[in-house]
Amino acid sequence: MKKHLKNLILLVASAGLFASITPTMTANAKTKYYTNPYTLRHHKYWYSCQQDYNGNWNYSRLHFAKHSVFFATKTNRKGNWHHSHIRAKYYFVRKHNGWYTFGTRNSDDVYHVKPSWRYMNNHKHWTLGEFNPSNNDGGYQINPPYTVWSYTTFMTKDGWYYTLNHLPNF
């Protein structure tokens, strides 16, 4: 009887020791990480020069990593980039009718972009058009035309955009 009790105590002690050295955090199997499509990740950076709500021109840069997106802005061409980032566990991306919608999960702060070939300055460029629902007025504009700012694979001093006369079906 004493031998069985001694073995039981030894077993409980060794199990306690094993439990104390094993990690207590478990992976959440329900966490889904969205993967950016190759179309968005193919180029390291996408550059744009856009007009803000106050009429000032700013440079913007997007970088699509595998599971997140990095933003950078600056006010003049020779200035420093100011960075921000949406981490993978808060990020989502989805495609519908050629448009990619991405942003922070459970937020109304989303971006709509569409990759396409466009002629600018008499040259054909691979671009990423960002839909601007406010037309630089702030908020959401109800009536068209809508502005679509063009991101290119190189930085330029010109702000390129085109207009849409209908609300896209994202």
Protein backbone atom coordinates (compact mmCIF):
# COMPACT_ATOMS: atom_id res chain seq x y z
CA MET A 1 0.00 0.00 0.00
CA LYS A 2 2.84 2.36 0.92
CA LYS A 3 4.56 1.52 -2.36
CA HIS A 4 1.44 2.45 -4.39
CA LEU A 5 1.04 5.68 -2.45
CA LYS A 6 4.71 6.54 -3.01
CA ASN A 7 4.35 5.87 -6.79
CA LEU A 8 1.17 7.98 -6.92
CA ILE A 9 2.90 10.91 -5.17
CA LEU A 10 5.88 10.58 -7.50
CA LEU A 11 3.56 10.55 -10.53
CA VAL A 12 1.65 13.64 -9.37
CA ALA A 13 4.89 15.49 -8.61
CA SER A 14 6.37 14.70 -12.02
CA ALA A 15 3.14 15.72 -13.75
CA GLY A 16 3.18 19.01 -11.83
CA LEU A 17 6.78 19.61 -12.83
CA PHE A 18 5.98 18.85 -16.49
CA ALA A 19 2.95 21.18 -16.41
CA SER A 20 5.03 23.98 -14.93
CA ILE A 21 7.60 23.93 -17.76
CA THR A 22 5.22 23.54 -20.71
CA PRO A 23 3.79 26.68 -22.32
CA THR A 24 0.35 27.66 -21.11
CA MET A 25 -0.69 29.65 -24.21
CA THR A 26 -2.55 27.77 -26.91
CA ALA A 27 -3.01 28.79 -30.53
CA ASN A 28 -6.44 30.04 -31.42
CA ALA A 29 -7.57 27.90 -34.33
CA LYS A 30 -10.33 30.39 -35.20
CA THR A 31 -7.95 33.27 -35.97
CA LYS A 32 -7.92 33.74 -39.72
CA TYR A 33 -5.10 35.62 -41.37
CA TYR A 34 -6.02 37.09 -44.73
CA THR A 35 -3.42 36.72 -47.47
CA ASN A 36 -2.89 39.57 -49.90
CA PRO A 37 -3.16 38.43 -53.51
CA TYR A 38 -0.06 38.31 -55.68
CA THR A 39 -1.41 41.18 -57.79
CA LEU A 40 -1.07 43.55 -54.83
CA ARG A 41 2.19 42.07 -53.51
CA HIS A 42 3.96 41.83 -56.90
CA HIS A 43 5.52 45.30 -56.57
CA LYS A 44 7.26 46.26 -53.35
CA TYR A 45 5.77 49.76 -53.22
CA TRP A 46 2.85 51.57 -54.83
CA TYR A 47 3.28 55.38 -55.00
CA SER A 48 0.76 58.18 -55.41
CA CYS A 49 0.54 61.94 -55.14
CA GLN A 50 -2.90 62.93 -53.84
CA GLN A 51 -4.72 66.09 -52.86
CA ASP A 52 -6.13 66.12 -49.32
CA TYR A 53 -9.27 67.76 -47.94
CA ASN A 54 -7.45 71.08 -47.44
CA GLY A 55 -6.16 71.25 -51.01
CA ASN A 56 -2.58 70.27 -50.07
CA TRP A 57 -0.71 67.68 -52.12
CA ASN A 58 0.78 64.70 -50.26
CA TYR A 59 2.79 61.67 -51.30
CA SER A 60 1.46 58.25 -50.34
CA ARG A 61 3.06 54.83 -50.44
CA LEU A 62 1.53 51.39 -49.96
CA HIS A 63 3.36 48.15 -49.30
CA PHE A 64 1.37 44.91 -49.26
CA ALA A 65 3.07 42.22 -47.19
CA LYS A 66 1.76 38.67 -47.20
CA HIS A 67 -0.74 39.17 -44.34
CA SER A 68 -0.76 42.93 -43.69
CA VAL A 69 -0.36 46.35 -45.26
CA PHE A 70 2.03 49.24 -44.56
CA PHE A 71 1.16 52.89 -45.26
CA ALA A 72 3.56 55.81 -45.55
CA THR A 73 2.92 59.50 -46.26
CA LYS A 74 4.97 62.66 -46.62
CA THR A 75 4.15 66.26 -47.49
CA ASN A 76 7.05 67.04 -49.84
CA ARG A 77 9.13 64.99 -52.21
CA LYS A 78 12.37 65.21 -50.22
CA GLY A 79 10.75 64.80 -46.79
CA ASN A 80 10.75 61.75 -44.54
CA TRP A 81 8.10 59.06 -44.74
CA HIS A 82 5.67 58.77 -41.81
CA HIS A 83 4.71 55.12 -41.39
CA SER A 84 1.66 53.24 -40.16
CA HIS A 85 0.69 49.59 -40.34
CA ILE A 86 -2.27 47.25 -40.00
CA ARG A 87 -1.08 44.09 -38.27
CA ALA A 88 -2.09 40.67 -39.55
CA LYS A 89 -4.53 39.82 -36.77
CA TYR A 90 -6.51 43.05 -37.41
CA TYR A 91 -6.27 43.07 -41.23
CA PHE A 92 -8.70 41.84 -43.87
CA VAL A 93 -8.76 41.86 -47.67
CA ARG A 94 -11.36 40.61 -50.13
CA LYS A 95 -11.97 40.84 -53.88
CA HIS A 96 -15.28 41.53 -55.62
CA ASN A 97 -15.86 42.59 -59.24
CA GLY A 98 -12.18 43.39 -59.77
CA TRP A 99 -11.97 45.69 -56.72
CA TYR A 100 -9.99 44.79 -53.60
CA THR A 101 -11.37 46.04 -50.31
CA PHE A 102 -8.95 46.08 -47.39
CA GLY A 103 -8.56 47.67 -43.99
CA THR A 104 -9.00 47.04 -40.29
CA ARG A 105 -11.46 44.35 -39.22
CA ASN A 106 -14.73 45.54 -37.66
CA SER A 107 -14.10 49.11 -38.82
CA ASP A 108 -15.68 51.38 -41.40
CA ASP A 109 -12.24 52.75 -42.35
CA VAL A 110 -11.67 50.66 -45.47
CA TYR A 111 -9.92 51.20 -48.79
CA HIS A 112 -11.08 50.16 -52.25
CA VAL A 113 -8.41 49.61 -54.93
CA LYS A 114 -8.47 48.21 -58.44
CA PRO A 115 -5.38 47.21 -60.43
CA SER A 116 -5.45 48.09 -64.12
CA TRP A 117 -3.38 49.25 -67.08
CA ARG A 118 -3.84 53.01 -67.71
CA TYR A 119 -2.41 55.49 -70.18
CA MET A 120 -0.81 58.46 -68.39
CA ASN A 121 1.52 60.97 -70.07
CA ASN A 122 1.20 58.98 -73.31
CA HIS A 123 2.64 55.84 -71.69
CA LYS A 124 0.98 52.68 -70.52
CA HIS A 125 1.40 52.10 -66.76
CA TRP A 126 0.38 49.33 -64.36
CA THR A 127 -1.64 51.21 -61.74
CA LEU A 128 -3.62 50.68 -58.59
CA GLY A 129 -6.66 52.95 -58.49
CA GLU A 130 -7.87 53.98 -55.02
CA PHE A 131 -11.55 54.93 -54.92
CA ASN A 132 -12.17 58.20 -53.05
CA PRO A 133 -15.84 58.36 -51.95
CA SER A 134 -15.55 61.95 -50.69
CA ASN A 135 -13.93 63.67 -53.72
CA ASN A 136 -11.69 65.52 -51.24
CA ASP A 137 -14.69 67.06 -49.44
CA GLY A 138 -14.68 64.79 -46.39
CA GLY A 139 -17.40 62.30 -45.55
CA TYR A 140 -19.15 60.41 -48.34
CA GLN A 141 -20.39 62.02 -51.52
CA ILE A 142 -23.73 60.69 -52.72
CA ASN A 143 -23.69 61.96 -56.31
CA PRO A 144 -21.06 61.12 -58.96
CA PRO A 145 -18.52 61.76 -60.39
CA TYR A 146 -16.13 60.04 -57.99
CA THR A 147 -12.34 60.44 -57.98
CA VAL A 148 -10.04 57.42 -58.30
CA TRP A 149 -6.42 58.24 -57.40
CA SER A 150 -3.80 56.26 -59.31
CA TYR A 151 -0.89 54.56 -57.55
CA THR A 152 2.04 53.62 -59.79
CA THR A 153 5.10 51.45 -59.26
CA PHE A 154 7.36 54.54 -59.19
CA MET A 155 7.16 57.90 -57.44
CA THR A 156 6.19 60.92 -59.51
CA LYS A 157 5.54 64.57 -58.72
CA ASP A 158 2.22 64.48 -60.60
CA GLY A 159 -1.06 63.48 -59.02
CA TRP A 160 -2.84 61.18 -61.45
CA TYR A 161 -6.51 60.36 -61.15
CA TYR A 162 -9.57 59.55 -63.19
CA THR A 163 -13.27 59.88 -62.50
CA LEU A 164 -16.11 57.39 -62.34
CA ASN A 165 -19.67 58.38 -63.16
CA HIS A 166 -21.18 55.57 -61.10
CA LEU A 167 -20.66 53.99 -57.71
CA PRO A 168 -18.67 50.76 -58.21
CA ASN A 169 -20.09 47.49 -56.96
CA PHE A 170 -17.47 46.49 -54.40
